[in-house]
C-alpha atoms as a PDB file:
ATOM      1  CA  MET A   1       0.093  -0.267   0.337  1.00  0.00           C
ATOM      2  CA  ASP A   2       2.599   2.422   1.117  1.00  0.00           C
ATOM      3  CA  LEU A   3       4.779   1.146  -2.684  1.00  0.00           C
ATOM      4  CA  ILE A   4       1.237   2.388  -4.131  1.00  0.00           C
ATOM      5  CA  THR A   5       0.797   5.843  -2.559  1.00  0.00           C
ATOM      6  CA  GLU A   6       4.281   6.392  -3.382  1.00  0.00           C
ATOM      7  CA  LYS A   7       3.686   6.078  -6.560  1.00  0.00           C
ATOM      8  CA  ILE A   8       1.176   8.095  -7.555  1.00  0.00           C
ATOM      9  CA  LYS A   9       3.227  11.081  -5.223  1.00  0.00           C
ATOM     10  CA  LYS A  10       6.261  10.870  -7.832  1.00  0.00           C
ATOM     11  CA  THR A  11       6.173  13.747 -10.280  1.00  0.00           C
ATOM     12  CA  SER A  12       6.020  11.793 -13.742  1.00  0.00           C
ATOM     13  CA  LEU A  13       8.267  12.163 -16.602  1.00  0.00           C
ATOM     14  CA  SER A  14       5.223  13.764 -18.694  1.00  0.00           C
ATOM     15  CA  THR A  15       4.646  16.419 -15.685  1.00  0.00           C
ATOM     16  CA  LYS A  16       8.601  17.412 -15.589  1.00  0.00           C
ATOM     17  CA  GLN A  17       8.158  17.562 -19.230  1.00  0.00           C
ATOM     18  CA  ASP A  18       5.233  19.749 -19.256  1.00  0.00           C
ATOM     19  CA  ARG A  19       6.797  22.141 -16.733  1.00  0.00           C
ATOM     20  CA  PHE A  20      10.257  22.060 -18.797  1.00  0.00           C
ATOM     21  CA  GLY A  21       8.443  23.682 -21.730  1.00  0.00           C
ATOM     22  CA  LYS A  22       6.461  26.360 -19.705  1.00  0.00           C
ATOM     23  CA  PHE A  23       9.531  27.211 -18.029  1.00  0.00           C
ATOM     24  CA  ILE A  24      11.473  27.495 -21.636  1.00  0.00           C
ATOM     25  CA  SER A  25       8.039  29.298 -22.588  1.00  0.00           C
ATOM     26  CA  VAL A  26       8.048  31.997 -19.690  1.00  0.00           C
ATOM     27  CA  SER A  27      11.113  32.364 -20.264  1.00  0.00           C
ATOM     28  CA  ALA A  28      11.534  33.375 -23.740  1.00  0.00           C
ATOM     29  CA  LEU A  29       8.486  35.563 -22.972  1.00  0.00           C
ATOM     30  CA  VAL A  30      10.146  37.357 -20.527  1.00  0.00           C
ATOM     31  CA  LEU A  31      13.632  37.501 -22.463  1.00  0.00           C
ATOM     32  CA  ILE A  32      11.698  39.018 -25.798  1.00  0.00           C
ATOM     33  CA  ALA A  33       9.886  41.633 -23.674  1.00  0.00           C
ATOM     34  CA  ALA A  34      12.511  42.857 -21.929  1.00  0.00           C
ATOM     35  CA  ILE A  35      15.017  43.449 -24.624  1.00  0.00           C
ATOM     36  CA  VAL A  36      12.245  45.521 -26.877  1.00  0.00           C
ATOM     37  CA  VAL A  37      11.853  47.154 -23.287  1.00  0.00           C
ATOM     38  CA  LEU A  38      16.190  47.891 -22.758  1.00  0.00           C
ATOM     39  CA  ILE A  39      16.016  49.035 -26.580  1.00  0.00           C
ATOM     40  CA  PHE A  40      13.107  51.371 -26.458  1.00  0.00           C
ATOM     41  CA  GLY A  41      15.079  52.527 -22.967  1.00  0.00           C
ATOM     42  CA  PHE A  42      18.520  53.036 -24.693  1.00  0.00           C
ATOM     43  CA  VAL A  43      17.131  55.045 -27.813  1.00  0.00           C
ATOM     44  CA  LEU A  44      14.746  57.373 -25.390  1.00  0.00           C
ATOM     45  CA  THR A  45      17.593  57.570 -23.102  1.00  0.00           C
ATOM     46  CA  ARG A  46      20.075  59.142 -26.194  1.00  0.00           C
ATOM     47  CA  GLY A  47      17.351  60.300 -28.117  1.00  0.00           C
ATOM     48  CA  LEU A  48      15.871  62.774 -25.252  1.00  0.00           C
ATOM     49  CA  ALA A  49      19.471  64.102 -24.370  1.00  0.00           C
ATOM     50  CA  THR A  50      19.187  66.482 -27.489  1.00  0.00           C
ATOM     51  CA  PHE A  51      16.706  68.243 -25.369  1.00  0.00           C
ATOM     52  CA  THR A  52      17.904  67.583 -21.922  1.00  0.00           C
ATOM     53  CA  THR A  53      21.344  67.929 -21.980  1.00  0.00           C
ATOM     54  CA  ASN A  54      21.806  70.050 -25.271  1.00  0.00           C
ATOM     55  CA  LYS A  55      18.977  72.567 -24.394  1.00  0.00           C
ATOM     56  CA  ILE A  56      18.297  71.827 -27.903  1.00  0.00           C
ATOM     57  CA  SER A  57      13.977  73.324 -28.629  1.00  0.00           C
ATOM     58  CA  VAL A  58      11.620  70.651 -29.663  1.00  0.00           C
ATOM     59  CA  SER A  59       9.976  72.704 -31.606  1.00  0.00           C
ATOM     60  CA  ASP A  60      13.452  73.884 -33.529  1.00  0.00           C
ATOM     61  CA  PHE A  61      14.276  70.326 -33.783  1.00  0.00           C
ATOM     62  CA  LEU A  62      11.114  68.940 -35.603  1.00  0.00           C
ATOM     63  CA  PHE A  63      10.045  72.439 -37.587  1.00  0.00           C
ATOM     64  CA  GLY A  64      13.551  73.182 -38.380  1.00  0.00           C
ATOM     65  CA  THR A  65      14.811  73.566 -41.147  1.00  0.00           C
ATOM     66  CA  ASN A  66      18.642  73.786 -41.282  1.00  0.00           C
ATOM     67  CA  TRP A  67      20.214  70.122 -40.879  1.00  0.00           C
ATOM     68  CA  ASN A  68      23.845  70.645 -40.159  1.00  0.00           C
ATOM     69  CA  PRO A  69      24.953  69.959 -36.922  1.00  0.00           C
ATOM     70  CA  SER A  70      28.182  70.555 -36.630  1.00  0.00           C
ATOM     71  CA  VAL A  71      28.154  74.047 -37.820  1.00  0.00           C
ATOM     72  CA  VAL A  72      26.460  77.117 -35.626  1.00  0.00           C
ATOM     73  CA  ASP A  73      23.842  79.038 -37.248  1.00  0.00           C
ATOM     74  CA  LYS A  74      25.441  82.616 -37.288  1.00  0.00           C
ATOM     75  CA  LYS A  75      21.793  84.421 -36.824  1.00  0.00           C
ATOM     76  CA  THR A  76      20.902  81.611 -34.470  1.00  0.00           C
ATOM     77  CA  GLY A  77      23.997  80.830 -32.443  1.00  0.00           C
ATOM     78  CA  MET A  78      22.481  77.315 -32.472  1.00  0.00           C
ATOM     79  CA  PRO A  79      23.838  73.914 -34.357  1.00  0.00           C
ATOM     80  CA  GLY A  80      21.052  73.206 -36.785  1.00  0.00           C
ATOM     81  CA  VAL A  81      19.210  71.036 -36.211  1.00  0.00           C
ATOM     82  CA  GLY A  82      16.083  70.912 -38.271  1.00  0.00           C
ATOM     83  CA  ALA A  83      14.621  67.833 -38.693  1.00  0.00           C
ATOM     84  CA  LEU A  84      11.930  68.263 -40.720  1.00  0.00           C
ATOM     85  CA  PRO A  85      13.501  68.269 -44.275  1.00  0.00           C
ATOM     86  CA  LEU A  86      14.488  64.501 -43.468  1.00  0.00           C
ATOM     87  CA  ILE A  87      10.803  64.121 -41.914  1.00  0.00           C
ATOM     88  CA  LEU A  88       9.607  64.706 -44.987  1.00  0.00           C
ATOM     89  CA  GLY A  89      11.984  63.556 -47.090  1.00  0.00           C
ATOM     90  CA  SER A  90      11.387  60.156 -45.360  1.00  0.00           C
ATOM     91  CA  LEU A  91       7.244  60.193 -45.182  1.00  0.00           C
ATOM     92  CA  ALA A  92       7.143  61.688 -48.593  1.00  0.00           C
ATOM     93  CA  VAL A  93       9.096  58.307 -50.398  1.00  0.00           C
ATOM     94  CA  THR A  94       6.918  55.935 -48.207  1.00  0.00           C
ATOM     95  CA  PHE A  95       3.623  57.351 -49.132  1.00  0.00           C
ATOM     96  CA  LEU A  96       4.263  57.740 -52.839  1.00  0.00           C
ATOM     97  CA  ALA A  97       5.638  53.913 -52.505  1.00  0.00           C
ATOM     98  CA  ALA A  98       2.341  52.879 -51.055  1.00  0.00           C
ATOM     99  CA  ILE A  99       0.389  54.694 -53.570  1.00  0.00           C
ATOM    100  CA  ILE A 100       1.946  52.906 -56.249  1.00  0.00           C
ATOM    101  CA  ALA A 101       2.396  49.918 -54.789  1.00  0.00           C
ATOM    102  CA  THR A 102      -0.952  49.118 -53.489  1.00  0.00           C
ATOM    103  CA  PRO A 103      -2.777  48.596 -57.119  1.00  0.00           C
ATOM    104  CA  PHE A 104      -0.363  46.820 -58.431  1.00  0.00           C
ATOM    105  CA  ALA A 105      -0.367  43.949 -55.020  1.00  0.00           C
ATOM    106  CA  ILE A 106      -4.304  44.169 -55.349  1.00  0.00           C
ATOM    107  CA  GLY A 107      -4.480  43.425 -59.507  1.00  0.00           C
ATOM    108  CA  THR A 108      -1.606  40.969 -58.774  1.00  0.00           C
ATOM    109  CA  ALA A 109      -3.582  38.934 -55.772  1.00  0.00           C
ATOM    110  CA  VAL A 110      -6.551  39.287 -57.322  1.00  0.00           C
ATOM    111  CA  PHE A 111      -5.214  37.826 -60.145  1.00  0.00           C
ATOM    112  CA  MET A 112      -3.486  35.134 -58.368  1.00  0.00           C
ATOM    113  CA  THR A 113      -6.325  33.976 -56.390  1.00  0.00           C
ATOM    114  CA  GLU A 114      -9.958  34.725 -58.267  1.00  0.00           C
ATOM    115  CA  ILE A 115      -9.483  35.048 -62.137  1.00  0.00           C
ATOM    116  CA  ALA A 116      -6.351  32.169 -62.206  1.00  0.00           C
ATOM    117  CA  LYS A 117      -5.320  30.598 -59.330  1.00  0.00           C
ATOM    118  CA  LYS A 118      -3.441  27.174 -60.524  1.00  0.00           C
ATOM    119  CA  ARG A 119      -1.666  28.819 -63.365  1.00  0.00           C
ATOM    120  CA  GLY A 120      -1.507  33.036 -61.200  1.00  0.00           C
ATOM    121  CA  ALA A 121       0.030  31.017 -57.870  1.00  0.00           C
ATOM    122  CA  LYS A 122       2.866  29.323 -60.326  1.00  0.00           C
ATOM    123  CA  ILE A 123       3.721  31.922 -62.268  1.00  0.00           C
ATOM    124  CA  MET A 124       3.699  34.485 -59.314  1.00  0.00           C
ATOM    125  CA  GLN A 125       4.716  33.374 -56.363  1.00  0.00           C
ATOM    126  CA  PRO A 126       7.831  31.984 -57.328  1.00  0.00           C
ATOM    127  CA  VAL A 127       8.309  35.965 -58.333  1.00  0.00           C
ATOM    128  CA  ILE A 128       7.203  36.838 -55.125  1.00  0.00           C
ATOM    129  CA  GLU A 129       9.606  34.946 -53.140  1.00  0.00           C
ATOM    130  CA  LEU A 130      12.174  36.459 -55.305  1.00  0.00           C
ATOM    131  CA  LEU A 131      11.848  39.722 -54.417  1.00  0.00           C
ATOM    132  CA  VAL A 132      11.398  39.397 -51.100  1.00  0.00           C
ATOM    133  CA  GLY A 133      14.581  37.519 -51.118  1.00  0.00           C
ATOM    134  CA  ILE A 134      16.900  40.009 -52.440  1.00  0.00           C
ATOM    135  CA  PRO A 135      19.148  42.285 -50.418  1.00  0.00           C
ATOM    136  CA  SER A 136      18.904  45.903 -50.166  1.00  0.00           C
ATOM    137  CA  VAL A 137      22.084  46.812 -52.190  1.00  0.00           C
ATOM    138  CA  VAL A 138      20.938  45.038 -54.906  1.00  0.00           C
ATOM    139  CA  TYR A 139      17.913  47.220 -55.177  1.00  0.00           C
ATOM    140  CA  GLY A 140      20.070  50.101 -54.434  1.00  0.00           C
ATOM    141  CA  VAL A 141      22.488  49.171 -56.904  1.00  0.00           C
ATOM    142  CA  ILE A 142      20.140  48.434 -59.818  1.00  0.00           C
ATOM    143  CA  GLY A 143      18.442  51.688 -59.135  1.00  0.00           C
ATOM    144  CA  LEU A 144      21.766  53.759 -58.940  1.00  0.00           C
ATOM    145  CA  THR A 145      22.237  52.164 -62.750  1.00  0.00           C
ATOM    146  CA  VAL A 146      19.149  51.676 -64.321  1.00  0.00           C
ATOM    147  CA  VAL A 147      16.396  53.962 -62.082  1.00  0.00           C
ATOM    148  CA  VAL A 148      18.505  57.709 -62.041  1.00  0.00           C
ATOM    149  CA  PRO A 149      19.776  57.401 -65.584  1.00  0.00           C
ATOM    150  CA  ALA A 150      16.768  56.856 -66.403  1.00  0.00           C
ATOM    151  CA  ILE A 151      14.846  60.010 -64.551  1.00  0.00           C
ATOM    152  CA  ARG A 152      18.263  62.112 -65.406  1.00  0.00           C
ATOM    153  CA  SER A 153      17.451  61.974 -69.190  1.00  0.00           C
ATOM    154  CA  ILE A 154      13.672  62.375 -68.971  1.00  0.00           C
ATOM    155  CA  PHE A 155      13.793  65.516 -66.482  1.00  0.00           C
ATOM    156  CA  GLY A 156      17.577  66.507 -66.204  1.00  0.00           C
ATOM    157  CA  GLY A 157      19.534  67.111 -63.039  1.00  0.00           C
ATOM    158  CA  THR A 158      21.460  64.647 -61.342  1.00  0.00           C
ATOM    159  CA  GLY A 159      18.558  61.995 -61.590  1.00  0.00           C
ATOM    160  CA  LEU A 160      18.519  61.534 -57.706  1.00  0.00           C
ATOM    161  CA  GLY A 161      15.699  62.538 -56.005  1.00  0.00           C
ATOM    162  CA  ILE A 162      12.459  61.622 -53.927  1.00  0.00           C
ATOM    163  CA  LEU A 163      11.405  60.017 -57.132  1.00  0.00           C
ATOM    164  CA  SER A 164      14.135  57.820 -57.685  1.00  0.00           C
ATOM    165  CA  GLY A 165      13.667  56.935 -53.623  1.00  0.00           C
ATOM    166  CA  THR A 166       9.866  55.931 -54.891  1.00  0.00           C
ATOM    167  CA  ILE A 167      10.543  54.133 -57.363  1.00  0.00           C
ATOM    168  CA  VAL A 168      13.482  51.866 -56.255  1.00  0.00           C
ATOM    169  CA  LEU A 169      10.904  51.041 -52.532  1.00  0.00           C
ATOM    170  CA  PHE A 170       8.220  50.715 -54.515  1.00  0.00           C
ATOM    171  CA  VAL A 171       9.689  47.821 -56.040  1.00  0.00           C
ATOM    172  CA  MET A 172      10.817  46.802 -52.585  1.00  0.00           C
ATOM    173  CA  ILE A 173       7.600  46.625 -50.298  1.00  0.00           C
ATOM    174  CA  LEU A 174       5.250  45.471 -53.388  1.00  0.00           C
ATOM    175  CA  PRO A 175       5.889  41.251 -52.997  1.00  0.00           C
ATOM    176  CA  THR A 176       5.137  42.092 -49.284  1.00  0.00           C
ATOM    177  CA  ILE A 177       1.400  44.424 -49.640  1.00  0.00           C
ATOM    178  CA  THR A 178       0.797  41.271 -52.313  1.00  0.00           C
ATOM    179  CA  SER A 179       2.013  38.405 -50.619  1.00  0.00           C
ATOM    180  CA  MET A 180      -0.564  39.688 -47.728  1.00  0.00           C
ATOM    181  CA  THR A 181      -3.365  40.894 -49.914  1.00  0.00           C
ATOM    182  CA  VAL A 182      -3.262  37.266 -51.218  1.00  0.00           C
ATOM    183  CA  ASP A 183      -3.453  35.895 -48.349  1.00  0.00           C
ATOM    184  CA  THR A 184      -6.663  38.000 -46.984  1.00  0.00           C
ATOM    185  CA  LEU A 185      -8.265  37.264 -49.953  1.00  0.00           C
ATOM    186  CA  LYS A 186      -7.620  33.746 -49.376  1.00  0.00           C
ATOM    187  CA  GLY A 187      -8.900  34.058 -45.910  1.00  0.00           C
ATOM    188  CA  VAL A 188     -12.583  35.732 -47.277  1.00  0.00           C
ATOM    189  CA  PRO A 189     -15.333  33.016 -47.167  1.00  0.00           C
ATOM    190  CA  ARG A 190     -16.412  30.855 -49.954  1.00  0.00           C
ATOM    191  CA  HIS A 191     -20.346  31.232 -49.228  1.00  0.00           C
ATOM    192  CA  TYR A 192     -19.767  35.116 -49.876  1.00  0.00           C
ATOM    193  CA  ARG A 193     -18.499  34.239 -53.632  1.00  0.00           C
ATOM    194  CA  GLU A 194     -21.080  31.754 -53.627  1.00  0.00           C
ATOM    195  CA  SER A 195     -23.842  33.741 -52.941  1.00  0.00           C
ATOM    196  CA  ALA A 196     -22.764  36.860 -54.795  1.00  0.00           C
ATOM    197  CA  LEU A 197     -22.831  34.468 -58.049  1.00  0.00           C
ATOM    198  CA  ALA A 198     -26.064  32.790 -56.933  1.00  0.00           C
ATOM    199  CA  ILE A 199     -28.254  36.616 -56.987  1.00  0.00           C
ATOM    200  CA  GLY A 200     -26.950  37.005 -60.432  1.00  0.00           C
ATOM    201  CA  ALA A 201     -23.698  38.915 -60.004  1.00  0.00           C
ATOM    202  CA  THR A 202     -20.605  38.843 -62.917  1.00  0.00           C
ATOM    203  CA  ARG A 203     -17.182  37.526 -61.791  1.00  0.00           C
ATOM    204  CA  TRP A 204     -16.029  41.467 -61.733  1.00  0.00           C
ATOM    205  CA  GLN A 205     -18.792  42.230 -59.645  1.00  0.00           C
ATOM    206  CA  MET A 206     -18.423  39.494 -57.139  1.00  0.00           C
ATOM    207  CA  ILE A 207     -14.636  40.739 -56.938  1.00  0.00           C
ATOM    208  CA  TYR A 208     -14.988  44.127 -56.584  1.00  0.00           C
ATOM    209  CA  LYS A 209     -17.994  44.632 -54.468  1.00  0.00           C
ATOM    210  CA  VAL A 210     -17.720  41.847 -52.198  1.00  0.00           C
ATOM    211  CA  ILE A 211     -14.273  39.813 -52.116  1.00  0.00           C
ATOM    212  CA  LEU A 212     -12.181  43.483 -51.746  1.00  0.00           C
ATOM    213  CA  ARG A 213     -14.481  44.997 -49.577  1.00  0.00           C
ATOM    214  CA  ALA A 214     -14.914  42.281 -47.193  1.00  0.00           C
ATOM    215  CA  ALA A 215     -10.745  42.250 -47.155  1.00  0.00           C
ATOM    216  CA  THR A 216     -10.223  45.851 -47.100  1.00  0.00           C
ATOM    217  CA  PRO A 217      -9.246  45.365 -43.245  1.00  0.00           C
ATOM    218  CA  GLY A 218      -6.826  42.958 -44.416  1.00  0.00           C
ATOM    219  CA  ILE A 219      -5.109  44.988 -47.535  1.00  0.00           C
ATOM    220  CA  LEU A 220      -5.237  48.414 -45.631  1.00  0.00           C
ATOM    221  CA  THR A 221      -3.360  46.068 -42.805  1.00  0.00           C
ATOM    222  CA  ALA A 222      -0.630  45.021 -45.694  1.00  0.00           C
ATOM    223  CA  ILE A 223      -0.281  48.588 -47.013  1.00  0.00           C
ATOM    224  CA  VAL A 224       0.820  49.250 -43.650  1.00  0.00           C
ATOM    225  CA  PHE A 225       3.030  47.203 -43.440  1.00  0.00           C
ATOM    226  CA  GLY A 226       4.521  47.930 -46.772  1.00  0.00           C
ATOM    227  CA  MET A 227       4.568  51.611 -45.195  1.00  0.00           C
ATOM    228  CA  ALA A 228       6.623  50.671 -41.829  1.00  0.00           C
ATOM    229  CA  ARG A 229       9.078  48.732 -44.282  1.00  0.00           C
ATOM    230  CA  ALA A 230       9.375  51.607 -46.502  1.00  0.00           C
ATOM    231  CA  PHE A 231      10.310  54.075 -43.688  1.00  0.00           C
ATOM    232  CA  GLY A 232      12.609  51.766 -42.427  1.00  0.00           C
ATOM    233  CA  GLU A 233      14.157  51.098 -45.392  1.00  0.00           C
ATOM    234  CA  ALA A 234      18.261  52.810 -44.944  1.00  0.00           C
ATOM    235  CA  LEU A 235      20.513  51.265 -47.591  1.00  0.00           C
ATOM    236  CA  ALA A 236      18.799  51.264 -50.457  1.00  0.00           C
ATOM    237  CA  VAL A 237      17.731  54.495 -50.552  1.00  0.00           C
ATOM    238  CA  GLN A 238      20.629  56.438 -49.379  1.00  0.00           C
ATOM    239  CA  MET A 239      22.014  55.640 -52.607  1.00  0.00           C
ATOM    240  CA  VAL A 240      19.221  57.203 -54.957  1.00  0.00           C
ATOM    241  CA  ILE A 241      17.918  59.600 -52.664  1.00  0.00           C
ATOM    242  CA  GLY A 242      20.708  62.290 -53.488  1.00  0.00           C
ATOM    243  CA  ASN A 243      21.391  62.342 -49.138  1.00  0.00           C
ATOM    244  CA  SER A 244      21.018  66.566 -49.279  1.00  0.00           C
ATOM    245  CA  ALA A 245      19.512  67.316 -45.869  1.00  0.00           C
ATOM    246  CA  THR A 246      17.626  70.207 -47.579  1.00  0.00           C
ATOM    247  CA  MET A 247      13.667  70.837 -48.225  1.00  0.00           C
ATOM    248  CA  PRO A 248      12.773  69.158 -51.336  1.00  0.00           C
ATOM    249  CA  ASP A 249      11.516  71.467 -54.239  1.00  0.00           C
ATOM    250  CA  SER A 250      10.408  68.892 -56.179  1.00  0.00           C
ATOM    251  CA  LEU A 251      10.410  65.083 -56.580  1.00  0.00           C
ATOM    252  CA  VAL A 252      13.984  64.802 -58.710  1.00  0.00           C
ATOM    253  CA  SER A 253      15.727  67.515 -56.544  1.00  0.00           C
ATOM    254  CA  PRO A 254      18.473  65.605 -54.478  1.00  0.00           C
ATOM    255  CA  ALA A 255      16.714  65.351 -50.820  1.00  0.00           C
ATOM    256  CA  ALA A 256      17.739  63.066 -48.221  1.00  0.00           C
ATOM    257  CA  THR A 257      15.412  60.872 -45.171  1.00  0.00           C
ATOM    258  CA  LEU A 258      16.025  59.823 -41.368  1.00  0.00           C
ATOM    259  CA  THR A 259      17.518  56.825 -42.162  1.00  0.00           C
ATOM    260  CA  SER A 260      19.859  57.877 -44.876  1.00  0.00           C
ATOM    261  CA  VAL A 261      21.678  60.628 -42.553  1.00  0.00           C
ATOM    262  CA  LEU A 262      21.637  58.196 -39.322  1.00  0.00           C
ATOM    263  CA  THR A 263      23.167  55.784 -41.065  1.00  0.00           C
ATOM    264  CA  MET A 264      25.881  57.911 -42.831  1.00  0.00           C
ATOM    265  CA  GLY A 265      26.505  60.106 -39.592  1.00  0.00           C
ATOM    266  CA  ILE A 266      26.149  57.479 -36.333  1.00  0.00           C
ATOM    267  CA  GLY A 267      29.895  55.869 -37.030  1.00  0.00           C
ATOM    268  CA  ASN A 268      31.088  59.577 -37.552  1.00  0.00           C
ATOM    269  CA  THR A 269      30.452  60.971 -34.586  1.00  0.00           C
ATOM    270  CA  VAL A 270      31.567  61.403 -30.865  1.00  0.00           C
ATOM    271  CA  MET A 271      29.407  59.147 -28.173  1.00  0.00           C
ATOM    272  CA  GLY A 272      27.867  62.174 -26.327  1.00  0.00           C
ATOM    273  CA  SER A 273      28.414  64.762 -28.081  1.00  0.00           C
ATOM    274  CA  LEU A 274      25.530  66.912 -29.538  1.00  0.00           C
ATOM    275  CA  GLN A 275      26.716  65.877 -33.004  1.00  0.00           C
ATOM    276  CA  ASN A 276      25.730  61.983 -32.064  1.00  0.00           C
ATOM    277  CA  ASN A 277      22.730  63.235 -29.826  1.00  0.00           C
ATOM    278  CA  VAL A 278      20.650  64.677 -32.489  1.00  0.00           C
ATOM    279  CA  LEU A 279      21.542  61.184 -34.825  1.00  0.00           C
ATOM    280  CA  TRP A 280      19.923  59.061 -31.927  1.00  0.00           C
ATOM    281  CA  SER A 281      17.128  61.764 -32.284  1.00  0.00           C
ATOM    282  CA  LEU A 282      16.239  60.515 -35.176  1.00  0.00           C
ATOM    283  CA  ALA A 283      16.337  57.105 -34.308  1.00  0.00           C
ATOM    284  CA  MET A 284      14.193  58.253 -31.733  1.00  0.00           C
ATOM    285  CA  ILE A 285      11.274  59.476 -34.606  1.00  0.00           C
ATOM    286  CA  LEU A 286      12.167  55.805 -36.561  1.00  0.00           C
ATOM    287  CA  LEU A 287      11.014  53.903 -33.045  1.00  0.00           C
ATOM    288  CA  LEU A 288       8.324  55.754 -32.397  1.00  0.00           C
ATOM    289  CA  MET A 289       6.770  56.131 -36.270  1.00  0.00           C
ATOM    290  CA  SER A 290       7.291  52.087 -36.117  1.00  0.00           C
ATOM    291  CA  LEU A 291       5.303  52.120 -33.249  1.00  0.00           C
ATOM    292  CA  ILE A 292       2.497  53.685 -34.452  1.00  0.00           C
ATOM    293  CA  PHE A 293       2.709  52.034 -37.786  1.00  0.00           C
ATOM    294  CA  ASN A 294       1.599  48.961 -35.146  1.00  0.00           C
ATOM    295  CA  ILE A 295      -1.238  50.590 -33.494  1.00  0.00           C
ATOM    296  CA  VAL A 296      -2.783  51.304 -36.867  1.00  0.00           C
ATOM    297  CA  ILE A 297      -2.153  47.869 -37.790  1.00  0.00           C
ATOM    298  CA  ARG A 298      -3.776  46.630 -34.172  1.00  0.00           C
ATOM    299  CA  LEU A 299      -6.761  49.222 -34.889  1.00  0.00           C
ATOM    300  CA  ILE A 300      -7.357  48.065 -38.423  1.00  0.00           C
ATOM    301  CA  GLY A 301      -6.805  44.302 -37.366  1.00  0.00           C
ATOM    302  CA  ARG A 302      -9.949  44.884 -34.676  1.00  0.00           C
ATOM    303  CA  LYS A 303     -11.635  47.130 -36.700  1.00  0.00           C
ATOM    304  CA  GLY A 304     -11.812  43.809 -38.804  1.00  0.00           C
ATOM    305  CA  GLU A 305     -12.801  41.462 -36.328  1.00  0.00           C
ATOM    306  CA  LEU A 306     -16.053  43.961 -35.143  1.00  0.00           C
ATOM    307  CA  LYS A 307     -17.568  43.825 -38.868  1.00  0.00           C
END
């Protein structure tokens, strides 16, 4: 009897394995959360030093148009730390690339899921996967050797500018938006299609008025994901945008983005100096924009669930 009781009280191997699995899962969760908190804390601490240590005005930083932290402006007596040209450059290439890529992505996704399911997936899926796997530097080199000369021959000037960066980013974010849109369209219930066709709708009416409308939250999520990638892209844009930290007066004039200035300058400044702190402030803006993109994605997803 005592032997039986002892065996019952003894922890089984399956219970030990279950506890070990839970420990590993919780440890991984805590580690990931700690890394995220540390990244946010480090970037915010460095980024806020511009305003707390160097006493730079937030309005001057966000709305100033003169970016030259190494030189003191003779009129104001302060270094040129106006980040508005960089912010506008980043927003311009991001939104323009998303506007151009969205129709192509939706059209490709509709072709793959509604018009030619087998042939479309067989042809287009490898192309999308190939575009996803191409490194950023390759996109930049192609943009520098193909896109920039083409724009130079058509519009004149150097060919470097927002338009070149937009075209390169358009190709880079196209597979992201397309693949997510394909998954969204596949997730639309089959009875939506059957019901639309049953009441006499044509295939195009069914696609436009039923399928795309039902998939709108997912498509918007795909677009925001694409914009998030475009906003954070550095190397490819840096190679074709011109890297001129001035207010852009046209789409074909050289400009700069937050990422291009950050990647070029962070290795050439002394930690703790004003020149270094303002670059961390740019990184803080990038981090906050990423957070905003994620919040927008969650809000869109929640709206889709309510529907």
